[in-house]
């Protein structure tokens, strides 16, 4: 399962939400997918990483289906 909890945690630590991505970087439909932990393309993840200047580990992680985010 894909989890964007690292991204949400990273943004929260900085007083921001995924809404900043919608306003500046990616389409709102992709933000919705991220908020629902649904898959997005690797190029979308790359765009987020470059915008935030963070490694991929700060954006996404893969967890077994039987483990909660």
PDB file of N, CA and C in Angstrom:
ATOM      1  N   UNK A   1       0.845  -1.170   0.000  1.00  0.00           N
ATOM      2  CA  UNK A   1       0.000   0.000   0.000  1.00  0.00           C
ATOM      3  C   UNK A   1       0.896   1.239   0.000  1.00  0.00           C
ATOM      4  N   UNK A   2       0.458   2.247  -0.685  1.00  0.00           N
ATOM      5  CA  UNK A   2       1.169   3.523  -0.748  1.00  0.00           C
ATOM      6  C   UNK A   2       0.687   4.405   0.397  1.00  0.00           C
ATOM      7  N   UNK A   3       1.622   5.067   1.033  1.00  0.00           N
ATOM      8  CA  UNK A   3       1.262   6.006   2.096  1.00  0.00           C
ATOM      9  C   UNK A   3       2.004   7.315   1.869  1.00  0.00           C
ATOM     10  N   UNK A   4       1.266   8.396   1.901  1.00  0.00           N
ATOM     11  CA  UNK A   4       1.857   9.728   1.806  1.00  0.00           C
ATOM     12  C   UNK A   4       1.901  10.393   3.172  1.00  0.00           C
ATOM     13  N   UNK A   5       1.829   9.588   4.211  1.00  0.00           N
ATOM     14  CA  UNK A   5       1.915  10.119   5.570  1.00  0.00           C
ATOM     15  C   UNK A   5       3.221  10.876   5.791  1.00  0.00           C
ATOM     16  N   UNK A   6       4.360  10.385   5.263  1.00  0.00           N
ATOM     17  CA  UNK A   6       5.587  11.176   5.437  1.00  0.00           C
ATOM     18  C   UNK A   6       5.449  12.599   4.882  1.00  0.00           C
ATOM     19  N   UNK A   7       4.789  12.736   3.751  1.00  0.00           N
ATOM     20  CA  UNK A   7       4.566  14.061   3.164  1.00  0.00           C
ATOM     21  C   UNK A   7       3.671  14.907   4.055  1.00  0.00           C
ATOM     22  N   UNK A   8       2.558  14.321   4.488  1.00  0.00           N
ATOM     23  CA  UNK A   8       1.634  15.084   5.343  1.00  0.00           C
ATOM     24  C   UNK A   8       2.318  15.488   6.646  1.00  0.00           C
ATOM     25  N   UNK A   9       3.110  14.576   7.225  1.00  0.00           N
ATOM     26  CA  UNK A   9       3.842  14.890   8.457  1.00  0.00           C
ATOM     27  C   UNK A   9       4.855  16.008   8.217  1.00  0.00           C
ATOM     28  N   UNK A  10       5.593  15.916   7.116  1.00  0.00           N
ATOM     29  CA  UNK A  10       6.588  16.919   6.780  1.00  0.00           C
ATOM     30  C   UNK A  10       5.941  18.302   6.649  1.00  0.00           C
ATOM     31  N   UNK A  11       4.837  18.351   5.922  1.00  0.00           N
ATOM     32  CA  UNK A  11       4.147  19.633   5.735  1.00  0.00           C
ATOM     33  C   UNK A  11       3.582  20.151   7.058  1.00  0.00           C
ATOM     34  N   UNK A  12       2.997  19.260   7.846  1.00  0.00           N
ATOM     35  CA  UNK A  12       2.420  19.657   9.132  1.00  0.00           C
ATOM     36  C   UNK A  12       3.484  20.256  10.053  1.00  0.00           C
ATOM     37  N   UNK A  13       4.668  19.658  10.058  1.00  0.00           N
ATOM     38  CA  UNK A  13       5.768  20.181  10.874  1.00  0.00           C
ATOM     39  C   UNK A  13       6.113  21.621  10.501  1.00  0.00           C
ATOM     40  N   UNK A  14       5.818  21.988   9.273  1.00  0.00           N
ATOM     41  CA  UNK A  14       6.109  23.324   8.782  1.00  0.00           C
ATOM     42  C   UNK A  14       4.874  24.221   8.746  1.00  0.00           C
ATOM     43  N   UNK A  15       3.782  23.743   9.353  1.00  0.00           N
ATOM     44  CA  UNK A  15       2.558  24.539   9.413  1.00  0.00           C
ATOM     45  C   UNK A  15       1.834  24.662   8.089  1.00  0.00           C
ATOM     46  N   UNK A  16       1.996  23.666   7.224  1.00  0.00           N
ATOM     47  CA  UNK A  16       1.379  23.688   5.898  1.00  0.00           C
ATOM     48  C   UNK A  16       0.529  22.430   5.694  1.00  0.00           C
ATOM     49  N   UNK A  17      -0.235  22.444   4.615  1.00  0.00           N
ATOM     50  CA  UNK A  17      -1.034  21.283   4.235  1.00  0.00           C
ATOM     51  C   UNK A  17      -0.720  20.929   2.785  1.00  0.00           C
ATOM     52  N   UNK A  18      -1.311  19.848   2.302  1.00  0.00           N
ATOM     53  CA  UNK A  18      -1.122  19.476   0.901  1.00  0.00           C
ATOM     54  C   UNK A  18      -1.738  20.512  -0.031  1.00  0.00           C
ATOM     55  N   UNK A  19      -2.540  21.406   0.506  1.00  0.00           N
ATOM     56  CA  UNK A  19      -3.111  22.484  -0.302  1.00  0.00           C
ATOM     57  C   UNK A  19      -2.055  23.349  -0.963  1.00  0.00           C
ATOM     58  N   UNK A  20      -0.886  23.477  -0.338  1.00  0.00           N
ATOM     59  CA  UNK A  20       0.194  24.256  -0.938  1.00  0.00           C
ATOM     60  C   UNK A  20       0.636  23.636  -2.264  1.00  0.00           C
ATOM     61  N   UNK A  21       0.552  22.322  -2.361  1.00  0.00           N
ATOM     62  CA  UNK A  21       0.908  21.649  -3.608  1.00  0.00           C
ATOM     63  C   UNK A  21      -0.106  21.968  -4.689  1.00  0.00           C
ATOM     64  N   UNK A  22      -1.360  21.991  -4.318  1.00  0.00           N
ATOM     65  CA  UNK A  22      -2.430  22.307  -5.263  1.00  0.00           C
ATOM     66  C   UNK A  22      -2.268  23.730  -5.781  1.00  0.00           C
ATOM     67  N   UNK A  23      -1.914  24.640  -4.904  1.00  0.00           N
ATOM     68  CA  UNK A  23      -1.806  26.043  -5.285  1.00  0.00           C
ATOM     69  C   UNK A  23      -0.579  26.342  -6.141  1.00  0.00           C
ATOM     70  N   UNK A  24       0.478  25.543  -5.987  1.00  0.00           N
ATOM     71  CA  UNK A  24       1.737  25.900  -6.629  1.00  0.00           C
ATOM     72  C   UNK A  24       2.331  24.860  -7.566  1.00  0.00           C
ATOM     73  N   UNK A  25       1.938  23.573  -7.427  1.00  0.00           N
ATOM     74  CA  UNK A  25       2.719  22.541  -8.113  1.00  0.00           C
ATOM     75  C   UNK A  25       1.899  21.561  -8.950  1.00  0.00           C
ATOM     76  N   UNK A  26       0.900  20.933  -8.341  1.00  0.00           N
ATOM     77  CA  UNK A  26       0.197  19.844  -9.029  1.00  0.00           C
ATOM     78  C   UNK A  26      -1.306  20.093  -9.066  1.00  0.00           C
ATOM     79  N   UNK A  27      -1.975  19.382  -9.941  1.00  0.00           N
ATOM     80  CA  UNK A  27      -3.423  19.504 -10.115  1.00  0.00           C
ATOM     81  C   UNK A  27      -4.163  19.052  -8.863  1.00  0.00           C
ATOM     82  N   UNK A  28      -5.291  19.656  -8.617  1.00  0.00           N
ATOM     83  CA  UNK A  28      -6.063  19.346  -7.399  1.00  0.00           C
ATOM     84  C   UNK A  28      -6.476  17.874  -7.332  1.00  0.00           C
ATOM     85  N   UNK A  29      -6.708  17.245  -8.479  1.00  0.00           N
ATOM     86  CA  UNK A  29      -7.071  15.815  -8.469  1.00  0.00           C
ATOM     87  C   UNK A  29      -5.937  14.962  -7.908  1.00  0.00           C
ATOM     88  N   UNK A  30      -4.707  15.365  -8.180  1.00  0.00           N
ATOM     89  CA  UNK A  30      -3.564  14.630  -7.643  1.00  0.00           C
ATOM     90  C   UNK A  30      -3.439  14.844  -6.142  1.00  0.00           C
ATOM     91  N   UNK A  31      -3.750  16.038  -5.683  1.00  0.00           N
ATOM     92  CA  UNK A  31      -3.736  16.301  -4.242  1.00  0.00           C
ATOM     93  C   UNK A  31      -4.783  15.431  -3.553  1.00  0.00           C
ATOM     94  N   UNK A  32      -5.943  15.295  -4.157  1.00  0.00           N
ATOM     95  CA  UNK A  32      -6.987  14.424  -3.608  1.00  0.00           C
ATOM     96  C   UNK A  32      -6.482  12.994  -3.513  1.00  0.00           C
ATOM     97  N   UNK A  33      -5.824  12.501  -4.554  1.00  0.00           N
ATOM     98  CA  UNK A  33      -5.275  11.144  -4.529  1.00  0.00           C
ATOM     99  C   UNK A  33      -4.268  10.987  -3.394  1.00  0.00           C
ATOM    100  N   UNK A  34      -3.419  11.984  -3.230  1.00  0.00           N
ATOM    101  CA  UNK A  34      -2.421  11.931  -2.157  1.00  0.00           C
ATOM    102  C   UNK A  34      -3.106  11.916  -0.798  1.00  0.00           C
ATOM    103  N   UNK A  35      -4.105  12.747  -0.611  1.00  0.00           N
ATOM    104  CA  UNK A  35      -4.819  12.784   0.667  1.00  0.00           C
ATOM    105  C   UNK A  35      -5.535  11.473   0.967  1.00  0.00           C
ATOM    106  N   UNK A  36      -5.864  10.722  -0.072  1.00  0.00           N
ATOM    107  CA  UNK A  36      -6.547   9.429   0.099  1.00  0.00           C
ATOM    108  C   UNK A  36      -5.578   8.250  -0.021  1.00  0.00           C
ATOM    109  N   UNK A  37      -4.280   8.528  -0.048  1.00  0.00           N
ATOM    110  CA  UNK A  37      -3.247   7.493  -0.181  1.00  0.00           C
ATOM    111  C   UNK A  37      -3.462   6.603  -1.402  1.00  0.00           C
ATOM    112  N   UNK A  38      -3.821   7.224  -2.510  1.00  0.00           N
ATOM    113  CA  UNK A  38      -3.972   6.503  -3.770  1.00  0.00           C
ATOM    114  C   UNK A  38      -2.731   6.740  -4.620  1.00  0.00           C
ATOM    115  N   UNK A  39      -2.405   5.815  -5.505  1.00  0.00           N
ATOM    116  CA  UNK A  39      -1.183   5.949  -6.307  1.00  0.00           C
ATOM    117  C   UNK A  39      -1.210   7.172  -7.238  1.00  0.00           C
ATOM    118  N   UNK A  40      -0.048   7.789  -7.367  1.00  0.00           N
ATOM    119  CA  UNK A  40       0.187   8.831  -8.375  1.00  0.00           C
ATOM    120  C   UNK A  40       1.464   8.444  -9.110  1.00  0.00           C
ATOM    121  N   UNK A  41       1.726   9.068 -10.219  1.00  0.00           N
ATOM    122  CA  UNK A  41       2.899   8.714 -11.014  1.00  0.00           C
ATOM    123  C   UNK A  41       4.193   9.115 -10.309  1.00  0.00           C
ATOM    124  N   UNK A  42       5.242   8.449 -10.680  1.00  0.00           N
ATOM    125  CA  UNK A  42       6.548   8.775 -10.117  1.00  0.00           C
ATOM    126  C   UNK A  42       6.968  10.176 -10.537  1.00  0.00           C
ATOM    127  N   UNK A  43       6.525  10.631 -11.691  1.00  0.00           N
ATOM    128  CA  UNK A  43       6.867  11.999 -12.103  1.00  0.00           C
ATOM    129  C   UNK A  43       6.171  13.031 -11.210  1.00  0.00           C
ATOM    130  N   UNK A  44       4.985  12.710 -10.712  1.00  0.00           N
ATOM    131  CA  UNK A  44       4.314  13.594  -9.756  1.00  0.00           C
ATOM    132  C   UNK A  44       5.093  13.636  -8.450  1.00  0.00           C
ATOM    133  N   UNK A  45       5.544  12.476  -7.998  1.00  0.00           N
ATOM    134  CA  UNK A  45       6.344  12.417  -6.775  1.00  0.00           C
ATOM    135  C   UNK A  45       7.645  13.194  -6.964  1.00  0.00           C
ATOM    136  N   UNK A  46       8.248  13.048  -8.131  1.00  0.00           N
ATOM    137  CA  UNK A  46       9.466  13.795  -8.437  1.00  0.00           C
ATOM    138  C   UNK A  46       9.213  15.301  -8.378  1.00  0.00           C
ATOM    139  N   UNK A  47       8.120  15.746  -8.957  1.00  0.00           N
ATOM    140  CA  UNK A  47       7.765  17.170  -8.937  1.00  0.00           C
ATOM    141  C   UNK A  47       7.631  17.685  -7.510  1.00  0.00           C
ATOM    142  N   UNK A  48       6.976  16.898  -6.668  1.00  0.00           N
ATOM    143  CA  UNK A  48       6.802  17.281  -5.258  1.00  0.00           C
ATOM    144  C   UNK A  48       8.160  17.349  -4.557  1.00  0.00           C
ATOM    145  N   UNK A  49       8.987  16.330  -4.762  1.00  0.00           N
ATOM    146  CA  UNK A  49      10.314  16.301  -4.131  1.00  0.00           C
ATOM    147  C   UNK A  49      11.143  17.514  -4.540  1.00  0.00           C
ATOM    148  N   UNK A  50      11.134  17.833  -5.822  1.00  0.00           N
ATOM    149  CA  UNK A  50      11.912  18.968  -6.302  1.00  0.00           C
ATOM    150  C   UNK A  50      11.367  20.287  -5.763  1.00  0.00           C
ATOM    151  N   UNK A  51      10.059  20.421  -5.716  1.00  0.00           N
ATOM    152  CA  UNK A  51       9.449  21.649  -5.197  1.00  0.00           C
ATOM    153  C   UNK A  51       9.793  21.844  -3.722  1.00  0.00           C
ATOM    154  N   UNK A  52       9.692  20.768  -2.938  1.00  0.00           N
ATOM    155  CA  UNK A  52       9.955  20.860  -1.502  1.00  0.00           C
ATOM    156  C   UNK A  52      11.443  20.720  -1.166  1.00  0.00           C
ATOM    157  N   UNK A  53      12.241  20.297  -2.167  1.00  0.00           N
ATOM    158  CA  UNK A  53      13.684  20.072  -1.967  1.00  0.00           C
ATOM    159  C   UNK A  53      13.935  19.021  -0.880  1.00  0.00           C
ATOM    160  N   UNK A  54      13.231  17.892  -1.041  1.00  0.00           N
ATOM    161  CA  UNK A  54      13.355  16.792  -0.083  1.00  0.00           C
ATOM    162  C   UNK A  54      13.565  15.484  -0.836  1.00  0.00           C
ATOM    163  N   UNK A  55      14.155  14.474  -0.162  1.00  0.00           N
ATOM    164  CA  UNK A  55      14.277  13.158  -0.788  1.00  0.00           C
ATOM    165  C   UNK A  55      12.919  12.460  -0.821  1.00  0.00           C
ATOM    166  N   UNK A  56      12.821  11.464  -1.634  1.00  0.00           N
ATOM    167  CA  UNK A  56      11.563  10.742  -1.814  1.00  0.00           C
ATOM    168  C   UNK A  56      11.022  10.160  -0.502  1.00  0.00           C
ATOM    169  N   UNK A  57      11.919   9.820   0.427  1.00  0.00           N
ATOM    170  CA  UNK A  57      11.491   9.248   1.713  1.00  0.00           C
ATOM    171  C   UNK A  57      10.649  10.215   2.530  1.00  0.00           C
ATOM    172  N   UNK A  58      10.751  11.502   2.233  1.00  0.00           N
ATOM    173  CA  UNK A  58       9.945  12.512   2.936  1.00  0.00           C
ATOM    174  C   UNK A  58       8.560  12.664   2.313  1.00  0.00           C
ATOM    175  N   UNK A  59       8.330  11.951   1.207  1.00  0.00           N
ATOM    176  CA  UNK A  59       7.066  12.099   0.482  1.00  0.00           C
ATOM    177  C   UNK A  59       6.209  10.839   0.534  1.00  0.00           C
ATOM    178  N   UNK A  60       6.815   9.695   0.332  1.00  0.00           N
ATOM    179  CA  UNK A  60       6.029   8.470   0.183  1.00  0.00           C
ATOM    180  C   UNK A  60       6.744   7.298   0.847  1.00  0.00           C
ATOM    181  N   UNK A  61       5.941   6.336   1.270  1.00  0.00           N
ATOM    182  CA  UNK A  61       6.498   5.070   1.740  1.00  0.00           C
ATOM    183  C   UNK A  61       5.544   3.956   1.335  1.00  0.00           C
ATOM    184  N   UNK A  62       6.094   2.775   1.256  1.00  0.00           N
ATOM    185  CA  UNK A  62       5.318   1.582   0.922  1.00  0.00           C
ATOM    186  C   UNK A  62       5.171   0.782   2.205  1.00  0.00           C
ATOM    187  N   UNK A  63       3.936   0.437   2.535  1.00  0.00           N
ATOM    188  CA  UNK A  63       3.675  -0.356   3.734  1.00  0.00           C
ATOM    189  C   UNK A  63       2.827  -1.569   3.358  1.00  0.00           C
ATOM    190  N   UNK A  64       3.000  -2.674   4.069  1.00  0.00           N
ATOM    191  CA  UNK A  64       2.156  -3.839   3.807  1.00  0.00           C
ATOM    192  C   UNK A  64       0.681  -3.482   4.019  1.00  0.00           C
ATOM    193  N   UNK A  65      -0.183  -4.132   3.285  1.00  0.00           N
ATOM    194  CA  UNK A  65      -1.619  -3.856   3.361  1.00  0.00           C
ATOM    195  C   UNK A  65      -2.192  -4.062   4.758  1.00  0.00           C
ATOM    196  N   UNK A  66      -1.573  -4.908   5.555  1.00  0.00           N
ATOM    197  CA  UNK A  66      -2.125  -5.201   6.878  1.00  0.00           C
ATOM    198  C   UNK A  66      -1.617  -4.255   7.972  1.00  0.00           C
ATOM    199  N   UNK A  67      -0.872  -3.227   7.590  1.00  0.00           N
ATOM    200  CA  UNK A  67      -0.351  -2.248   8.542  1.00  0.00           C
ATOM    201  C   UNK A  67      -1.016  -0.903   8.291  1.00  0.00           C
ATOM    202  N   UNK A  68      -1.432  -0.247   9.381  1.00  0.00           N
ATOM    203  CA  UNK A  68      -2.036   1.074   9.237  1.00  0.00           C
ATOM    204  C   UNK A  68      -0.977   2.095   8.934  1.00  0.00           C
ATOM    205  N   UNK A  69      -1.373   3.212   8.283  1.00  0.00           N
ATOM    206  CA  UNK A  69      -0.448   4.301   7.934  1.00  0.00           C
ATOM    207  C   UNK A  69       0.289   4.742   9.153  1.00  0.00           C
TER     208      UNK A  69
END
